[in-house]
Structures are given as structure tokens and as C-alpha cells.
Amino acid sequence: MLAGTYNIICEQNATFQMFFTWKNKETGVPYDLTGYTALMQVRTAKCDESCSVLIIEFSTTDSSIVLGGVAGTVQINATPTQTAALATGQYYYDLLLNTGSNKYRVIQGTFTVSGGVSE
């Protein structure tokens, strides 16, 4: 199963929320995410920590990612304080869903931080 591509724009100084449903492409039925964990990292380059800098991380561990169980929903959240700390520019991300025995890279793409004026 190949990861979908979705390019994200995150605005500085504003609440960031992203919401989607992970569905089977053939049947349209949502995947049951009960028991899954999730991790999304935004980095300066398409590689691990050996050649890129981590900009921000989202996970089910810190509740910045919330999974919707049988509904197959994924919600990613950042506070205005968190987005204010991000430098403007274009970065790269991917989102991994982990069953404990399998990992699925569900989406990937660019993560562009749009500069803000008002705080």
C-alpha cells in the first residue's frame, strides 16, 4: 500500500488542525484504528535525524494525534504557541500508523509554515 501525498500549509500563531479518514481505496470502508499508535515528524529533509533537523513532532503519546478507532479518523493538532515557534519555510513530513507488528506510512508531502503578522 503506497502512501498518499498531501501538501500541508500551517499558519504561524494560529491553531493547526488536520482531520482525515483512512479508508480502503477499493471498498471505501474506513480502517479500524483501534489499538494503533501514530507518529508524524516534520523535518528539514527527506531523511532521518542523521541528515535532517526535526521541526515538530506529533504523536498519540502526547495526544497531538487522536485516532478515531472504528471510524478510521485521524486528527492532528498544534496550539498557537507551538505554531508560533515554527520558522517559516518548506519542510517534509510523513505519518506512520503502527499496529504493534506492522507500520503503515499513510500520507506524506510538504509541510509549509506560512509566516504570520498578528499574534
N, C-alpha and C. Protein backbone atom coordinates (compact mmCIF):
# COMPACT_ATOMS: atom_id res chain seq x y z
N MET A 1 0.85 -1.16 0.00
CA MET A 1 0.00 0.00 0.00
C MET A 1 0.90 1.23 0.00
N LEU A 2 0.71 2.10 -0.97
CA LEU A 2 1.53 3.31 -1.10
C LEU A 2 0.91 4.46 -0.32
N ALA A 3 1.78 5.28 0.26
CA ALA A 3 1.31 6.47 0.98
C ALA A 3 0.74 7.49 0.00
N GLY A 4 -0.33 8.12 0.42
CA GLY A 4 -0.88 9.22 -0.37
C GLY A 4 -0.04 10.47 -0.17
N THR A 5 -0.13 11.39 -1.10
CA THR A 5 0.59 12.65 -0.98
C THR A 5 -0.40 13.77 -0.70
N TYR A 6 -0.12 14.54 0.34
CA TYR A 6 -0.94 15.69 0.70
C TYR A 6 -0.01 16.77 1.23
N ASN A 7 -0.02 17.91 0.59
CA ASN A 7 0.84 19.02 0.99
C ASN A 7 0.08 19.92 1.96
N ILE A 8 0.71 20.19 3.10
CA ILE A 8 0.08 20.90 4.21
C ILE A 8 0.61 22.33 4.29
N ILE A 9 -0.29 23.27 4.61
CA ILE A 9 0.12 24.63 4.96
C ILE A 9 -0.28 24.86 6.41
N CYS A 10 0.70 25.23 7.22
CA CYS A 10 0.49 25.50 8.64
C CYS A 10 0.76 26.99 8.85
N GLU A 11 -0.19 27.69 9.44
CA GLU A 11 -0.05 29.13 9.66
C GLU A 11 0.55 29.40 11.03
N GLN A 12 1.58 30.25 11.08
CA GLN A 12 2.17 30.66 12.35
C GLN A 12 1.13 31.36 13.21
N ASN A 13 1.29 31.24 14.51
CA ASN A 13 0.47 31.95 15.51
C ASN A 13 -1.00 31.54 15.51
N ALA A 14 -1.34 30.45 14.85
CA ALA A 14 -2.73 30.01 14.77
C ALA A 14 -2.83 28.54 15.17
N THR A 15 -4.01 28.15 15.61
CA THR A 15 -4.28 26.75 15.89
C THR A 15 -4.17 25.96 14.59
N PHE A 16 -3.46 24.84 14.63
CA PHE A 16 -3.35 23.96 13.48
C PHE A 16 -4.16 22.71 13.76
N GLN A 17 -5.07 22.36 12.85
CA GLN A 17 -5.82 21.12 12.95
C GLN A 17 -5.93 20.51 11.56
N MET A 18 -5.70 19.23 11.51
CA MET A 18 -5.84 18.48 10.26
C MET A 18 -6.64 17.23 10.60
N PHE A 19 -7.61 16.91 9.77
CA PHE A 19 -8.52 15.81 10.04
C PHE A 19 -8.76 15.03 8.76
N PHE A 20 -8.62 13.71 8.82
CA PHE A 20 -8.95 12.88 7.66
C PHE A 20 -9.36 11.48 8.12
N THR A 21 -9.94 10.74 7.21
CA THR A 21 -10.33 9.36 7.47
C THR A 21 -9.50 8.45 6.57
N TRP A 22 -8.86 7.44 7.17
CA TRP A 22 -8.06 6.48 6.40
C TRP A 22 -9.00 5.36 5.96
N LYS A 23 -9.20 5.26 4.64
CA LYS A 23 -10.13 4.27 4.09
C LYS A 23 -9.44 3.33 3.12
N ASN A 24 -10.01 2.15 2.99
CA ASN A 24 -9.57 1.21 1.98
C ASN A 24 -9.90 1.82 0.61
N LYS A 25 -8.89 1.94 -0.27
CA LYS A 25 -9.09 2.59 -1.57
C LYS A 25 -10.07 1.84 -2.46
N GLU A 26 -10.12 0.54 -2.30
CA GLU A 26 -11.01 -0.26 -3.17
C GLU A 26 -12.45 -0.28 -2.69
N THR A 27 -12.64 -0.37 -1.37
CA THR A 27 -14.01 -0.53 -0.84
C THR A 27 -14.58 0.77 -0.27
N GLY A 28 -13.71 1.72 0.07
CA GLY A 28 -14.17 2.95 0.71
C GLY A 28 -14.50 2.80 2.18
N VAL A 29 -14.26 1.62 2.73
CA VAL A 29 -14.55 1.35 4.14
C VAL A 29 -13.39 1.85 4.99
N PRO A 30 -13.67 2.61 6.06
CA PRO A 30 -12.60 3.09 6.94
C PRO A 30 -11.88 1.92 7.63
N TYR A 31 -10.57 2.07 7.80
CA TYR A 31 -9.80 1.09 8.56
C TYR A 31 -10.09 1.28 10.05
N ASP A 32 -10.14 0.19 10.78
CA ASP A 32 -10.34 0.24 12.23
C ASP A 32 -8.98 0.52 12.87
N LEU A 33 -8.84 1.68 13.49
CA LEU A 33 -7.57 2.10 14.08
C LEU A 33 -7.49 1.81 15.58
N THR A 34 -8.40 1.01 16.08
CA THR A 34 -8.38 0.62 17.49
C THR A 34 -7.05 -0.06 17.80
N GLY A 35 -6.36 0.41 18.83
CA GLY A 35 -5.10 -0.18 19.25
C GLY A 35 -3.89 0.33 18.50
N TYR A 36 -4.08 1.18 17.49
CA TYR A 36 -2.96 1.74 16.74
C TYR A 36 -2.34 2.90 17.52
N THR A 37 -1.08 3.17 17.22
CA THR A 37 -0.43 4.41 17.62
C THR A 37 -0.03 5.15 16.35
N ALA A 38 0.27 6.45 16.50
CA ALA A 38 0.62 7.24 15.32
C ALA A 38 1.78 8.17 15.64
N LEU A 39 2.59 8.45 14.62
CA LEU A 39 3.71 9.37 14.73
C LEU A 39 3.83 10.14 13.42
N MET A 40 3.93 11.45 13.54
CA MET A 40 4.18 12.30 12.38
C MET A 40 5.32 13.24 12.73
N GLN A 41 6.37 13.21 11.93
CA GLN A 41 7.51 14.11 12.12
C GLN A 41 7.62 15.04 10.92
N VAL A 42 7.94 16.30 11.22
CA VAL A 42 8.21 17.29 10.19
C VAL A 42 9.70 17.58 10.27
N ARG A 43 10.40 17.44 9.13
CA ARG A 43 11.86 17.56 9.10
C ARG A 43 12.30 18.47 7.96
N THR A 44 13.56 18.90 8.05
CA THR A 44 14.13 19.80 7.03
C THR A 44 14.45 19.08 5.73
N ALA A 45 14.57 17.77 5.77
CA ALA A 45 14.90 16.99 4.57
C ALA A 45 14.21 15.64 4.66
N LYS A 46 14.14 14.93 3.53
CA LYS A 46 13.50 13.61 3.49
C LYS A 46 14.47 12.53 3.94
N CYS A 47 14.82 12.57 5.20
CA CYS A 47 15.70 11.55 5.77
C CYS A 47 15.57 11.60 7.29
N ASP A 48 16.27 10.72 7.97
CA ASP A 48 16.17 10.65 9.42
C ASP A 48 17.05 11.70 10.09
N GLU A 49 17.23 11.55 11.41
CA GLU A 49 17.98 12.54 12.19
C GLU A 49 19.45 12.67 11.79
N SER A 50 19.98 11.72 11.02
CA SER A 50 21.38 11.79 10.62
C SER A 50 21.64 12.89 9.58
N CYS A 51 20.59 13.31 8.85
CA CYS A 51 20.81 14.32 7.82
C CYS A 51 19.73 15.40 7.78
N SER A 52 18.86 15.44 8.80
CA SER A 52 17.83 16.46 8.83
C SER A 52 17.55 16.89 10.26
N VAL A 53 16.89 18.02 10.39
CA VAL A 53 16.54 18.55 11.70
C VAL A 53 15.04 18.38 11.91
N LEU A 54 14.66 17.92 13.08
CA LEU A 54 13.26 17.78 13.44
C LEU A 54 12.68 19.16 13.74
N ILE A 55 11.59 19.52 13.06
CA ILE A 55 10.95 20.82 13.24
C ILE A 55 9.84 20.73 14.28
N ILE A 56 8.99 19.72 14.16
CA ILE A 56 7.91 19.47 15.12
C ILE A 56 7.50 18.01 14.99
N GLU A 57 7.03 17.46 16.10
CA GLU A 57 6.58 16.06 16.11
C GLU A 57 5.19 15.99 16.71
N PHE A 58 4.35 15.14 16.11
CA PHE A 58 3.00 14.88 16.59
C PHE A 58 2.90 13.38 16.89
N SER A 59 2.17 13.02 17.96
CA SER A 59 2.04 11.59 18.26
C SER A 59 0.81 11.32 19.11
N THR A 60 0.42 10.06 19.13
CA THR A 60 -0.65 9.65 20.04
C THR A 60 -0.16 9.64 21.48
N THR A 61 1.15 9.52 21.66
CA THR A 61 1.73 9.51 23.01
C THR A 61 1.44 10.81 23.74
N ASP A 62 1.55 11.95 23.06
CA ASP A 62 1.31 13.25 23.70
C ASP A 62 -0.06 13.83 23.33
N SER A 63 -0.90 13.03 22.68
CA SER A 63 -2.27 13.41 22.29
C SER A 63 -2.34 14.52 21.26
N SER A 64 -1.24 14.81 20.57
CA SER A 64 -1.31 15.76 19.46
C SER A 64 -1.86 15.08 18.21
N ILE A 65 -1.94 13.73 18.25
CA ILE A 65 -2.68 12.96 17.26
C ILE A 65 -3.72 12.15 18.01
N VAL A 66 -4.96 12.24 17.54
CA VAL A 66 -6.06 11.48 18.13
C VAL A 66 -6.64 10.58 17.05
N LEU A 67 -6.68 9.27 17.35
CA LEU A 67 -7.22 8.30 16.40
C LEU A 67 -8.65 7.96 16.78
N GLY A 68 -9.51 7.76 15.77
CA GLY A 68 -10.93 7.57 15.99
C GLY A 68 -11.41 6.13 15.94
N GLY A 69 -10.55 5.17 16.26
CA GLY A 69 -10.97 3.77 16.35
C GLY A 69 -11.63 3.25 15.09
N VAL A 70 -12.83 2.67 15.22
CA VAL A 70 -13.52 2.03 14.10
C VAL A 70 -13.91 3.02 13.00
N ALA A 71 -13.98 4.29 13.32
CA ALA A 71 -14.33 5.31 12.32
C ALA A 71 -13.17 5.60 11.37
N GLY A 72 -11.94 5.18 11.75
CA GLY A 72 -10.77 5.37 10.90
C GLY A 72 -10.27 6.79 10.81
N THR A 73 -10.69 7.64 11.74
CA THR A 73 -10.31 9.06 11.67
C THR A 73 -8.98 9.32 12.34
N VAL A 74 -8.31 10.35 11.81
CA VAL A 74 -7.02 10.81 12.33
C VAL A 74 -7.13 12.32 12.47
N GLN A 75 -6.85 12.84 13.67
CA GLN A 75 -6.85 14.28 13.90
C GLN A 75 -5.49 14.68 14.44
N ILE A 76 -4.90 15.70 13.82
CA ILE A 76 -3.57 16.19 14.20
C ILE A 76 -3.74 17.64 14.66
N ASN A 77 -3.14 17.97 15.81
CA ASN A 77 -3.37 19.27 16.44
C ASN A 77 -2.08 19.92 16.91
N ALA A 78 -2.00 21.25 16.77
CA ALA A 78 -0.93 22.05 17.37
C ALA A 78 -1.54 23.35 17.88
N THR A 79 -1.02 23.82 18.98
CA THR A 79 -1.52 25.06 19.59
C THR A 79 -0.90 26.28 18.90
N PRO A 80 -1.50 27.47 19.09
CA PRO A 80 -0.89 28.69 18.55
C PRO A 80 0.53 28.91 19.08
N THR A 81 0.79 28.52 20.31
CA THR A 81 2.14 28.65 20.88
C THR A 81 3.12 27.77 20.13
N GLN A 82 2.70 26.57 19.79
CA GLN A 82 3.57 25.66 19.04
C GLN A 82 3.82 26.17 17.63
N THR A 83 2.79 26.66 16.95
CA THR A 83 2.98 27.13 15.58
C THR A 83 3.77 28.43 15.53
N ALA A 84 3.67 29.25 16.59
CA ALA A 84 4.44 30.49 16.65
C ALA A 84 5.94 30.21 16.72
N ALA A 85 6.30 29.05 17.27
CA ALA A 85 7.71 28.68 17.42
C ALA A 85 8.32 28.12 16.14
N LEU A 86 7.50 27.88 15.11
CA LEU A 86 8.00 27.30 13.86
C LEU A 86 8.54 28.39 12.95
N ALA A 87 9.70 28.16 12.38
CA ALA A 87 10.28 29.09 11.40
C ALA A 87 9.54 28.92 10.07
N THR A 88 9.29 30.03 9.38
CA THR A 88 8.64 29.93 8.08
C THR A 88 9.54 29.15 7.12
N GLY A 89 8.91 28.46 6.19
CA GLY A 89 9.67 27.71 5.20
C GLY A 89 8.95 26.44 4.81
N GLN A 90 9.58 25.70 3.92
CA GLN A 90 9.01 24.44 3.45
C GLN A 90 9.81 23.28 4.01
N TYR A 91 9.10 22.32 4.57
CA TYR A 91 9.69 21.14 5.18
C TYR A 91 9.01 19.89 4.60
N TYR A 92 9.32 18.73 5.17
CA TYR A 92 8.78 17.46 4.70
C TYR A 92 8.25 16.66 5.88
N TYR A 93 7.20 15.88 5.64
CA TYR A 93 6.62 15.08 6.72
C TYR A 93 6.15 13.74 6.17
N ASP A 94 5.94 12.82 7.08
CA ASP A 94 5.14 11.64 6.80
C ASP A 94 4.45 11.22 8.08
N LEU A 95 3.40 10.43 7.93
CA LEU A 95 2.61 9.96 9.06
C LEU A 95 2.64 8.45 9.07
N LEU A 96 3.08 7.88 10.20
CA LEU A 96 3.12 6.43 10.37
C LEU A 96 2.03 5.99 11.34
N LEU A 97 1.29 4.97 10.96
CA LEU A 97 0.34 4.32 11.85
C LEU A 97 0.92 2.95 12.18
N ASN A 98 0.92 2.61 13.48
CA ASN A 98 1.60 1.43 13.97
C ASN A 98 0.62 0.52 14.71
N THR A 99 0.53 -0.74 14.27
CA THR A 99 -0.34 -1.71 14.93
C THR A 99 0.37 -2.43 16.08
N GLY A 100 1.67 -2.25 16.18
CA GLY A 100 2.48 -3.02 17.12
C GLY A 100 3.32 -4.03 16.38
N SER A 101 2.75 -4.62 15.32
CA SER A 101 3.50 -5.57 14.50
C SER A 101 3.73 -5.05 13.08
N ASN A 102 2.93 -4.10 12.64
CA ASN A 102 3.07 -3.51 11.31
C ASN A 102 3.04 -1.99 11.40
N LYS A 103 3.79 -1.34 10.50
CA LYS A 103 3.76 0.11 10.38
C LYS A 103 3.32 0.46 8.97
N TYR A 104 2.44 1.45 8.88
CA TYR A 104 1.94 1.91 7.59
C TYR A 104 2.24 3.40 7.45
N ARG A 105 2.92 3.77 6.37
CA ARG A 105 3.12 5.18 6.07
C ARG A 105 1.90 5.58 5.25
N VAL A 106 1.01 6.36 5.86
CA VAL A 106 -0.29 6.64 5.28
C VAL A 106 -0.27 7.85 4.35
N ILE A 107 0.33 8.95 4.80
CA ILE A 107 0.43 10.15 3.97
C ILE A 107 1.82 10.75 4.11
N GLN A 108 2.18 11.56 3.13
CA GLN A 108 3.47 12.23 3.11
C GLN A 108 3.34 13.48 2.25
N GLY A 109 4.33 14.35 2.35
CA GLY A 109 4.32 15.53 1.49
C GLY A 109 5.12 16.66 2.07
N THR A 110 4.82 17.86 1.60
CA THR A 110 5.49 19.04 2.13
C THR A 110 4.65 19.61 3.27
N PHE A 111 5.33 20.28 4.17
CA PHE A 111 4.72 20.95 5.31
C PHE A 111 5.26 22.37 5.29
N THR A 112 4.45 23.30 4.77
CA THR A 112 4.89 24.68 4.61
C THR A 112 4.36 25.52 5.76
N VAL A 113 5.27 26.21 6.43
CA VAL A 113 4.89 27.12 7.50
C VAL A 113 4.77 28.52 6.90
N SER A 114 3.55 29.04 6.94
CA SER A 114 3.24 30.35 6.41
C SER A 114 3.40 31.39 7.52
N GLY A 115 4.22 32.40 7.27
CA GLY A 115 4.52 33.41 8.29
C GLY A 115 3.29 34.21 8.68
N GLY A 116 3.22 34.55 9.96
CA GLY A 116 2.12 35.34 10.47
C GLY A 116 2.59 36.74 10.84
N VAL A 117 1.66 37.67 10.86
CA VAL A 117 1.96 39.04 11.26
C VAL A 117 1.37 39.33 12.61
N SER A 118 0.10 39.01 12.78
CA SER A 118 -0.60 39.26 14.05
C SER A 118 -0.34 38.13 15.02
N GLU A 119 -0.26 38.49 16.27
CA GLU A 119 -0.09 37.48 17.32
C GLU A 119 -1.28 37.56 18.19
